[in-house]
Full PDB file with SEQRES, HELIX, SHEET, SSBOND, CRYST1, ORIGX, SCALE, CONECT and MASTER records, all heavy atoms in Angstrom:
SEQRES   1 A   35  ILE PHE LYS ILE ASN SER MET GLY TRP TYR ARG GLN ALA          
SEQRES   2 A   35  PRO GLU LYS GLN ARG GLU LEU VAL ALA SER ILE SER SER          
SEQRES   3 A   35  GLY GLY SER THR LYS TYR GLY ASP SER                          
SHEET    1 AA1 3 SER A   6  ARG A  11  0                                        
SHEET    2 AA1 3 GLU A  19  SER A  25 -1                                        
SHEET    3 AA1 3 THR A  30  TYR A  32 -1                                        
CRYST1    1.000    1.000    1.000  90.00  90.00  90.00 P 1           1          
ORIGX1      1.000000  0.000000  0.000000        0.00000                         
ORIGX2      0.000000  1.000000  0.000000        0.00000                         
ORIGX3      0.000000  0.000000  1.000000        0.00000                         
SCALE1      1.000000  0.000000  0.000000        0.00000                         
SCALE2      0.000000  1.000000  0.000000        0.00000                         
SCALE3      0.000000  0.000000  1.000000        0.00000                         
ATOM      1  N   ILE A   1     125.929  64.823 142.803  1.00  0.00           N  
ATOM      2  CA  ILE A   1     127.007  65.135 141.934  1.00  0.00           C  
ATOM      3  C   ILE A   1     127.046  66.619 141.741  1.00  0.00           C  
ATOM      4  O   ILE A   1     126.098  67.258 141.322  1.00  0.00           O  
ATOM      5  CB  ILE A   1     126.888  64.491 140.524  1.00  0.00           C  
ATOM      6  CG1 ILE A   1     126.730  62.977 140.756  1.00  0.00           C  
ATOM      7  CG2 ILE A   1     128.091  64.776 139.725  1.00  0.00           C  
ATOM      8  CD1 ILE A   1     126.397  62.217 139.444  1.00  0.00           C  
ATOM      9  N   PHE A   2     128.234  67.211 141.994  1.00  0.00           N  
ATOM     10  CA  PHE A   2     128.385  68.631 141.729  1.00  0.00           C  
ATOM     11  C   PHE A   2     128.740  68.853 140.274  1.00  0.00           C  
ATOM     12  O   PHE A   2     128.179  69.705 139.598  1.00  0.00           O  
ATOM     13  CB  PHE A   2     129.508  69.228 142.652  1.00  0.00           C  
ATOM     14  CG  PHE A   2     129.771  70.684 142.373  1.00  0.00           C  
ATOM     15  CD1 PHE A   2     128.898  71.683 142.813  1.00  0.00           C  
ATOM     16  CD2 PHE A   2     130.857  71.066 141.607  1.00  0.00           C  
ATOM     17  CE1 PHE A   2     129.141  73.037 142.610  1.00  0.00           C  
ATOM     18  CE2 PHE A   2     131.141  72.444 141.353  1.00  0.00           C  
ATOM     19  CZ  PHE A   2     130.246  73.370 141.850  1.00  0.00           C  
ATOM     20  N   LYS A   3     129.662  68.058 139.750  1.00  0.00           N  
ATOM     21  CA  LYS A   3     130.105  68.119 138.376  1.00  0.00           C  
ATOM     22  C   LYS A   3     130.742  66.790 138.016  1.00  0.00           C  
ATOM     23  O   LYS A   3     131.489  66.236 138.757  1.00  0.00           O  
ATOM     24  CB  LYS A   3     131.046  69.285 138.167  1.00  0.00           C  
ATOM     25  CG  LYS A   3     131.528  69.461 136.728  1.00  0.00           C  
ATOM     26  CD  LYS A   3     132.584  70.565 136.627  1.00  0.00           C  
ATOM     27  CE  LYS A   3     133.056  70.673 135.213  1.00  0.00           C  
ATOM     28  NZ  LYS A   3     134.142  71.721 135.087  1.00  0.00           N  
ATOM     29  N   ILE A   4     130.492  66.377 136.768  1.00  0.00           N  
ATOM     30  CA  ILE A   4     131.149  65.206 136.229  1.00  0.00           C  
ATOM     31  C   ILE A   4     132.318  65.699 135.330  1.00  0.00           C  
ATOM     32  O   ILE A   4     132.111  66.409 134.341  1.00  0.00           O  
ATOM     33  CB  ILE A   4     130.195  64.363 135.369  1.00  0.00           C  
ATOM     34  CG1 ILE A   4     129.141  63.730 136.263  1.00  0.00           C  
ATOM     35  CG2 ILE A   4     131.006  63.281 134.605  1.00  0.00           C  
ATOM     36  CD1 ILE A   4     128.159  62.866 135.479  1.00  0.00           C  
ATOM     37  N   ASN A   5     133.568  65.389 135.727  1.00  0.00           N  
ATOM     38  CA  ASN A   5     134.713  65.810 135.012  1.00  0.00           C  
ATOM     39  C   ASN A   5     134.956  64.956 133.748  1.00  0.00           C  
ATOM     40  O   ASN A   5     135.340  65.446 132.719  1.00  0.00           O  
ATOM     41  CB  ASN A   5     135.948  65.720 135.896  1.00  0.00           C  
ATOM     42  CG  ASN A   5     135.971  66.818 136.949  1.00  0.00           C  
ATOM     43  OD1 ASN A   5     135.293  67.862 136.767  1.00  0.00           O  
ATOM     44  ND2 ASN A   5     136.672  66.596 138.029  1.00  0.00           N  
ATOM     45  N   SER A   6     134.692  63.665 133.861  1.00  0.00           N  
ATOM     46  CA  SER A   6     134.877  62.781 132.647  1.00  0.00           C  
ATOM     47  C   SER A   6     134.049  61.560 132.841  1.00  0.00           C  
ATOM     48  O   SER A   6     133.723  61.116 133.936  1.00  0.00           O  
ATOM     49  CB  SER A   6     136.327  62.429 132.458  1.00  0.00           C  
ATOM     50  OG  SER A   6     136.787  61.559 133.528  1.00  0.00           O  
ATOM     51  N   MET A   7     133.670  60.947 131.728  1.00  0.00           N  
ATOM     52  CA  MET A   7     132.954  59.654 131.662  1.00  0.00           C  
ATOM     53  C   MET A   7     133.638  58.815 130.587  1.00  0.00           C  
ATOM     54  O   MET A   7     134.150  59.370 129.604  1.00  0.00           O  
ATOM     55  CB  MET A   7     131.553  59.831 131.337  1.00  0.00           C  
ATOM     56  CG  MET A   7     130.731  60.715 132.297  1.00  0.00           C  
ATOM     57  SD  MET A   7     128.936  60.810 132.023  1.00  0.00           S  
ATOM     58  CE  MET A   7     128.430  59.261 132.735  1.00  0.00           C  
ATOM     59  N   GLY A   8     133.659  57.551 130.790  1.00  0.00           N  
ATOM     60  CA  GLY A   8     134.278  56.637 129.848  1.00  0.00           C  
ATOM     61  C   GLY A   8     133.895  55.225 130.013  1.00  0.00           C  
ATOM     62  O   GLY A   8     133.083  54.847 130.797  1.00  0.00           O  
ATOM     63  N   TRP A   9     134.484  54.401 129.098  1.00  0.00           N  
ATOM     64  CA  TRP A   9     134.243  52.958 129.130  1.00  0.00           C  
ATOM     65  C   TRP A   9     135.583  52.232 129.096  1.00  0.00           C  
ATOM     66  O   TRP A   9     136.498  52.591 128.378  1.00  0.00           O  
ATOM     67  CB  TRP A   9     133.480  52.569 127.830  1.00  0.00           C  
ATOM     68  CG  TRP A   9     132.034  53.116 127.808  1.00  0.00           C  
ATOM     69  CD1 TRP A   9     131.634  54.276 127.262  1.00  0.00           C  
ATOM     70  CD2 TRP A   9     130.907  52.452 128.391  1.00  0.00           C  
ATOM     71  NE1 TRP A   9     130.244  54.394 127.451  1.00  0.00           N  
ATOM     72  CE2 TRP A   9     129.828  53.328 128.172  1.00  0.00           C  
ATOM     73  CE3 TRP A   9     130.693  51.296 129.043  1.00  0.00           C  
ATOM     74  CZ2 TRP A   9     128.495  53.023 128.534  1.00  0.00           C  
ATOM     75  CZ3 TRP A   9     129.418  50.983 129.463  1.00  0.00           C  
ATOM     76  CH2 TRP A   9     128.352  51.804 129.181  1.00  0.00           C  
ATOM     77  N   TYR A  10     135.648  51.230 129.947  1.00  0.00           N  
ATOM     78  CA  TYR A  10     136.733  50.271 129.940  1.00  0.00           C  
ATOM     79  C   TYR A  10     136.189  48.883 129.663  1.00  0.00           C  
ATOM     80  O   TYR A  10     134.978  48.652 129.852  1.00  0.00           O  
ATOM     81  CB  TYR A  10     137.456  50.287 131.286  1.00  0.00           C  
ATOM     82  CG  TYR A  10     138.230  51.557 131.583  1.00  0.00           C  
ATOM     83  CD1 TYR A  10     137.611  52.738 131.845  1.00  0.00           C  
ATOM     84  CD2 TYR A  10     139.639  51.532 131.555  1.00  0.00           C  
ATOM     85  CE1 TYR A  10     138.295  53.918 132.063  1.00  0.00           C  
ATOM     86  CE2 TYR A  10     140.348  52.710 131.791  1.00  0.00           C  
ATOM     87  CZ  TYR A  10     139.682  53.881 132.074  1.00  0.00           C  
ATOM     88  OH  TYR A  10     140.402  55.021 132.315  1.00  0.00           O  
ATOM     89  N   ARG A  11     137.019  47.987 129.296  1.00  0.00           N  
ATOM     90  CA  ARG A  11     136.549  46.600 129.052  1.00  0.00           C  
ATOM     91  C   ARG A  11     137.621  45.579 129.547  1.00  0.00           C  
ATOM     92  O   ARG A  11     138.803  45.920 129.604  1.00  0.00           O  
ATOM     93  CB  ARG A  11     136.254  46.353 127.591  1.00  0.00           C  
ATOM     94  CG  ARG A  11     137.479  46.322 126.658  1.00  0.00           C  
ATOM     95  CD  ARG A  11     137.066  46.222 125.199  1.00  0.00           C  
ATOM     96  NE  ARG A  11     138.175  46.118 124.293  1.00  0.00           N  
ATOM     97  CZ  ARG A  11     138.071  46.156 122.984  1.00  0.00           C  
ATOM     98  NH1 ARG A  11     136.908  46.274 122.393  1.00  0.00           N  
ATOM     99  NH2 ARG A  11     139.172  46.075 122.243  1.00  0.00           N  
ATOM    100  N   GLN A  12     137.135  44.457 129.880  1.00  0.00           N  
ATOM    101  CA  GLN A  12     138.018  43.388 130.340  1.00  0.00           C  
ATOM    102  C   GLN A  12     137.527  42.043 129.801  1.00  0.00           C  
ATOM    103  O   GLN A  12     136.396  41.641 130.016  1.00  0.00           O  
ATOM    104  CB  GLN A  12     138.009  43.315 131.866  1.00  0.00           C  
ATOM    105  CG  GLN A  12     139.030  42.311 132.407  1.00  0.00           C  
ATOM    106  CD  GLN A  12     139.269  42.557 133.925  1.00  0.00           C  
ATOM    107  OE1 GLN A  12     138.431  43.073 134.631  1.00  0.00           O  
ATOM    108  NE2 GLN A  12     140.449  42.087 134.426  1.00  0.00           N  
ATOM    109  N   ALA A  13     138.404  41.416 129.090  1.00  0.00           N  
ATOM    110  CA  ALA A  13     138.130  40.048 128.519  1.00  0.00           C  
ATOM    111  C   ALA A  13     138.739  39.027 129.458  1.00  0.00           C  
ATOM    112  O   ALA A  13     139.600  39.356 130.238  1.00  0.00           O  
ATOM    113  CB  ALA A  13     138.746  39.893 127.142  1.00  0.00           C  
ATOM    114  N   PRO A  14     138.258  37.791 129.400  1.00  0.00           N  
ATOM    115  CA  PRO A  14     138.778  36.773 130.268  1.00  0.00           C  
ATOM    116  C   PRO A  14     140.278  36.648 130.152  1.00  0.00           C  
ATOM    117  O   PRO A  14     140.877  36.650 129.003  1.00  0.00           O  
ATOM    118  CB  PRO A  14     138.077  35.499 129.800  1.00  0.00           C  
ATOM    119  CG  PRO A  14     136.806  35.972 129.237  1.00  0.00           C  
ATOM    120  CD  PRO A  14     137.097  37.253 128.565  1.00  0.00           C  
ATOM    121  N   GLU A  15     140.933  36.546 131.264  1.00  0.00           N  
ATOM    122  CA  GLU A  15     142.426  36.338 131.284  1.00  0.00           C  
ATOM    123  C   GLU A  15     143.196  37.571 130.831  1.00  0.00           C  
ATOM    124  O   GLU A  15     144.425  37.435 130.604  1.00  0.00           O  
ATOM    125  CB  GLU A  15     142.871  35.130 130.543  1.00  0.00           C  
ATOM    126  CG  GLU A  15     142.072  33.827 130.921  1.00  0.00           C  
ATOM    127  CD  GLU A  15     142.245  33.407 132.357  1.00  0.00           C  
ATOM    128  OE1 GLU A  15     143.357  33.722 132.901  1.00  0.00           O  
ATOM    129  OE2 GLU A  15     141.270  32.902 132.993  1.00  0.00           O  
ATOM    130  N   LYS A  16     142.572  38.722 130.637  1.00  0.00           N  
ATOM    131  CA  LYS A  16     143.265  39.898 130.200  1.00  0.00           C  
ATOM    132  C   LYS A  16     143.008  41.049 131.204  1.00  0.00           C  
ATOM    133  O   LYS A  16     142.067  41.021 131.958  1.00  0.00           O  
ATOM    134  CB  LYS A  16     142.833  40.312 128.824  1.00  0.00           C  
ATOM    135  CG  LYS A  16     143.217  39.345 127.724  1.00  0.00           C  
ATOM    136  CD  LYS A  16     142.989  39.874 126.370  1.00  0.00           C  
ATOM    137  CE  LYS A  16     143.470  38.954 125.266  1.00  0.00           C  
ATOM    138  NZ  LYS A  16     143.243  39.484 123.923  1.00  0.00           N  
ATOM    139  N   GLN A  17     143.888  42.059 131.122  1.00  0.00           N  
ATOM    140  CA  GLN A  17     143.745  43.230 131.944  1.00  0.00           C  
ATOM    141  C   GLN A  17     142.696  44.167 131.464  1.00  0.00           C  
ATOM    142  O   GLN A  17     142.359  44.171 130.251  1.00  0.00           O  
ATOM    143  CB  GLN A  17     145.094  43.934 132.011  1.00  0.00           C  
ATOM    144  CG  GLN A  17     146.207  43.228 132.676  1.00  0.00           C  
ATOM    145  CD  GLN A  17     147.485  44.004 132.773  1.00  0.00           C  
ATOM    146  OE1 GLN A  17     147.719  44.984 132.014  1.00  0.00           O  
ATOM    147  NE2 GLN A  17     148.350  43.659 133.742  1.00  0.00           N  
ATOM    148  N   ARG A  18     142.112  44.919 132.373  1.00  0.00           N  
ATOM    149  CA  ARG A  18     141.116  45.912 131.961  1.00  0.00           C  
ATOM    150  C   ARG A  18     141.866  47.054 131.142  1.00  0.00           C  
ATOM    151  O   ARG A  18     142.933  47.479 131.485  1.00  0.00           O  
ATOM    152  CB  ARG A  18     140.503  46.503 133.205  1.00  0.00           C  
ATOM    153  CG  ARG A  18     139.314  47.427 132.879  1.00  0.00           C  
ATOM    154  CD  ARG A  18     138.535  47.831 134.193  1.00  0.00           C  
ATOM    155  NE  ARG A  18     137.936  46.641 134.831  1.00  0.00           N  
ATOM    156  CZ  ARG A  18     137.145  46.682 135.845  1.00  0.00           C  
ATOM    157  NH1 ARG A  18     136.764  47.876 136.329  1.00  0.00           N  
ATOM    158  NH2 ARG A  18     136.669  45.613 136.386  1.00  0.00           N  
ATOM    159  N   GLU A  19     141.227  47.444 130.079  1.00  0.00           N  
ATOM    160  CA  GLU A  19     141.774  48.432 129.213  1.00  0.00           C  
ATOM    161  C   GLU A  19     140.795  49.554 128.887  1.00  0.00           C  
ATOM    162  O   GLU A  19     139.646  49.351 128.887  1.00  0.00           O  
ATOM    163  CB  GLU A  19     142.321  47.775 127.927  1.00  0.00           C  
ATOM    164  CG  GLU A  19     141.169  47.220 127.075  1.00  0.00           C  
ATOM    165  CD  GLU A  19     141.726  46.601 125.761  1.00  0.00           C  
ATOM    166  OE1 GLU A  19     142.858  46.832 125.436  1.00  0.00           O  
ATOM    167  OE2 GLU A  19     140.897  45.976 125.031  1.00  0.00           O  
ATOM    168  N   LEU A  20     141.406  50.700 128.572  1.00  0.00           N  
ATOM    169  CA  LEU A  20     140.545  51.841 128.191  1.00  0.00           C  
ATOM    170  C   LEU A  20     139.928  51.618 126.779  1.00  0.00           C  
ATOM    171  O   LEU A  20     140.708  51.243 125.856  1.00  0.00           O  
ATOM    172  CB  LEU A  20     141.368  53.121 128.148  1.00  0.00           C  
ATOM    173  CG  LEU A  20     140.661  54.371 127.528  1.00  0.00           C  
ATOM    174  CD1 LEU A  20     139.587  54.860 128.464  1.00  0.00           C  
ATOM    175  CD2 LEU A  20     141.687  55.470 127.290  1.00  0.00           C  
ATOM    176  N   VAL A  21     138.703  51.837 126.642  1.00  0.00           N  
ATOM    177  CA  VAL A  21     138.007  51.800 125.348  1.00  0.00           C  
ATOM    178  C   VAL A  21     137.871  53.252 124.806  1.00  0.00           C  
ATOM    179  O   VAL A  21     138.314  53.571 123.735  1.00  0.00           O  
ATOM    180  CB  VAL A  21     136.687  51.144 125.438  1.00  0.00           C  
ATOM    181  CG1 VAL A  21     135.951  51.173 124.087  1.00  0.00           C  
ATOM    182  CG2 VAL A  21     136.758  49.751 125.976  1.00  0.00           C  
ATOM    183  N   ALA A  22     137.231  54.114 125.629  1.00  0.00           N  
ATOM    184  CA  ALA A  22     137.062  55.495 125.239  1.00  0.00           C  
ATOM    185  C   ALA A  22     136.697  56.311 126.426  1.00  0.00           C  
ATOM    186  O   ALA A  22     136.099  55.795 127.370  1.00  0.00           O  
ATOM    187  CB  ALA A  22     136.016  55.621 124.127  1.00  0.00           C  
ATOM    188  N   SER A  23     137.000  57.622 126.382  1.00  0.00           N  
ATOM    189  CA  SER A  23     136.598  58.548 127.465  1.00  0.00           C  
ATOM    190  C   SER A  23     136.301  59.877 126.881  1.00  0.00           C  
ATOM    191  O   SER A  23     136.805  60.220 125.739  1.00  0.00           O  
ATOM    192  CB  SER A  23     137.687  58.621 128.562  1.00  0.00           C  
ATOM    193  OG  SER A  23     138.865  59.258 128.021  1.00  0.00           O  
ATOM    194  N   ILE A  24     135.587  60.689 127.578  1.00  0.00           N  
ATOM    195  CA  ILE A  24     135.195  62.033 127.182  1.00  0.00           C  
ATOM    196  C   ILE A  24     135.210  62.951 128.361  1.00  0.00           C  
ATOM    197  O   ILE A  24     134.628  62.645 129.375  1.00  0.00           O  
ATOM    198  CB  ILE A  24     133.824  62.042 126.373  1.00  0.00           C  
ATOM    199  CG1 ILE A  24     133.566  63.404 125.794  1.00  0.00           C  
ATOM    200  CG2 ILE A  24     132.696  61.539 127.295  1.00  0.00           C  
ATOM    201  CD1 ILE A  24     132.396  63.395 124.795  1.00  0.00           C  
ATOM    202  N   SER A  25     135.798  64.068 128.216  1.00  0.00           N  
ATOM    203  CA  SER A  25     135.932  65.065 129.317  1.00  0.00           C  
ATOM    204  C   SER A  25     134.749  66.016 129.344  1.00  0.00           C  
ATOM    205  O   SER A  25     133.884  65.958 128.421  1.00  0.00           O  
ATOM    206  CB  SER A  25     137.224  65.846 129.178  1.00  0.00           C  
ATOM    207  OG  SER A  25     137.132  66.728 128.084  1.00  0.00           O  
ATOM    208  N   SER A  26     134.642  66.783 130.379  1.00  0.00           N  
ATOM    209  CA  SER A  26     133.544  67.753 130.457  1.00  0.00           C  
ATOM    210  C   SER A  26     133.650  68.740 129.297  1.00  0.00           C  
ATOM    211  O   SER A  26     132.589  69.337 128.948  1.00  0.00           O  
ATOM    212  CB  SER A  26     133.618  68.482 131.815  1.00  0.00           C  
ATOM    213  OG  SER A  26     134.825  69.188 131.961  1.00  0.00           O  
ATOM    214  N   GLY A  27     134.812  69.021 128.792  1.00  0.00           N  
ATOM    215  CA  GLY A  27     135.009  69.908 127.692  1.00  0.00           C  
ATOM    216  C   GLY A  27     134.755  69.331 126.324  1.00  0.00           C  
ATOM    217  O   GLY A  27     134.807  69.981 125.296  1.00  0.00           O  
ATOM    218  N   GLY A  28     134.542  68.020 126.272  1.00  0.00           N  
ATOM    219  CA  GLY A  28     134.269  67.328 125.072  1.00  0.00           C  
ATOM    220  C   GLY A  28     135.416  66.648 124.335  1.00  0.00           C  
ATOM    221  O   GLY A  28     135.267  66.046 123.332  1.00  0.00           O  
ATOM    222  N   SER A  29     136.590  66.731 124.945  1.00  0.00           N  
ATOM    223  CA  SER A  29     137.780  66.053 124.334  1.00  0.00           C  
ATOM    224  C   SER A  29     137.654  64.571 124.615  1.00  0.00           C  
ATOM    225  O   SER A  29     137.199  64.112 125.618  1.00  0.00           O  
ATOM    226  CB  SER A  29     139.048  66.598 124.952  1.00  0.00           C  
ATOM    227  OG  SER A  29     139.145  66.380 126.309  1.00  0.00           O  
ATOM    228  N   THR A  30     138.114  63.778 123.645  1.00  0.00           N  
ATOM    229  CA  THR A  30     137.932  62.327 123.645  1.00  0.00           C  
ATOM    230  C   THR A  30     139.275  61.599 123.533  1.00  0.00           C  
ATOM    231  O   THR A  30     140.225  62.163 122.959  1.00  0.00           O  
ATOM    232  CB  THR A  30     137.003  61.867 122.508  1.00  0.00           C  
ATOM    233  OG1 THR A  30     137.533  62.227 121.227  1.00  0.00           O  
ATOM    234  CG2 THR A  30     135.622  62.452 122.669  1.00  0.00           C  
ATOM    235  N   LYS A  31     139.309  60.383 124.060  1.00  0.00           N  
ATOM    236  CA  LYS A  31     140.383  59.467 123.924  1.00  0.00           C  
ATOM    237  C   LYS A  31     139.840  58.118 123.553  1.00  0.00           C  
ATOM    238  O   LYS A  31     138.777  57.711 124.033  1.00  0.00           O  
ATOM    239  CB  LYS A  31     141.235  59.405 125.204  1.00  0.00           C  
ATOM    240  CG  LYS A  31     141.919  60.683 125.581  1.00  0.00           C  
ATOM    241  CD  LYS A  31     142.741  60.497 126.857  1.00  0.00           C  
ATOM    242  CE  LYS A  31     143.472  61.754 127.239  1.00  0.00           C  
ATOM    243  NZ  LYS A  31     144.264  61.549 128.495  1.00  0.00           N  
ATOM    244  N   TYR A  32     140.571  57.416 122.690  1.00  0.00           N  
ATOM    245  CA  TYR A  32     140.178  56.076 122.277  1.00  0.00           C  
ATOM    246  C   TYR A  32     141.348  55.165 122.398  1.00  0.00           C  
ATOM    247  O   TYR A  32     142.471  55.480 122.190  1.00  0.00           O  
ATOM    248  CB  TYR A  32     139.677  56.041 120.855  1.00  0.00           C  
ATOM    249  CG  TYR A  32     138.392  56.842 120.638  1.00  0.00           C  
ATOM    250  CD1 TYR A  32     138.405  58.162 120.273  1.00  0.00           C  
ATOM    251  CD2 TYR A  32     137.179  56.191 120.807  1.00  0.00           C  
ATOM    252  CE1 TYR A  32     137.171  58.855 120.054  1.00  0.00           C  
ATOM    253  CE2 TYR A  32     136.003  56.868 120.619  1.00  0.00           C  
ATOM    254  CZ  TYR A  32     135.984  58.194 120.262  1.00  0.00           C  
ATOM    255  OH  TYR A  32     134.791  58.853 120.041  1.00  0.00           O  
ATOM    256  N   GLY A  33     141.022  53.870 122.769  1.00  0.00           N  
ATOM    257  CA  GLY A  33     142.017  52.876 122.660  1.00  0.00           C  
ATOM    258  C   GLY A  33     142.367  52.585 121.197  1.00  0.00           C  
ATOM    259  O   GLY A  33     141.545  52.713 120.334  1.00  0.00           O  
ATOM    260  N   ASP A  34     143.614  52.174 120.989  1.00  0.00           N  
ATOM    261  CA  ASP A  34     144.081  52.032 119.592  1.00  0.00           C  
ATOM    262  C   ASP A  34     143.258  50.957 118.855  1.00  0.00           C  
ATOM    263  O   ASP A  34     143.005  51.095 117.630  1.00  0.00           O  
ATOM    264  CB  ASP A  34     145.543  51.591 119.597  1.00  0.00           C  
ATOM    265  CG  ASP A  34     146.513  52.671 120.009  1.00  0.00           C  
ATOM    266  OD1 ASP A  34     146.058  53.842 119.881  1.00  0.00           O  
ATOM    267  OD2 ASP A  34     147.660  52.375 120.387  1.00  0.00           O  
ATOM    268  N   SER A  35     142.801  49.932 119.536  1.00  0.00           N  
ATOM    269  CA  SER A  35     142.073  48.864 118.872  1.00  0.00           C  
ATOM    270  C   SER A  35     140.649  49.189 118.379  1.00  0.00           C  
ATOM    271  O   SER A  35     140.053  48.478 117.612  1.00  0.00           O  
ATOM    272  CB  SER A  35     142.013  47.642 119.768  1.00  0.00           C  
ATOM    273  OG  SER A  35     141.273  47.870 120.979  1.00  0.00           O  
TER     274      SER A  35                                                      
MASTER        0    0    0    0    3    0    0    6  273    1    0    3          
END                                                                             
């Protein structure tokens, strides 16, 4: 790995689509799913 730009978590429940849970960029900015 030269550099990791972002890391995050997704989840998938039975019979549902995969959705974003949370992510974090190399600069530390974060995103979260509404739930």
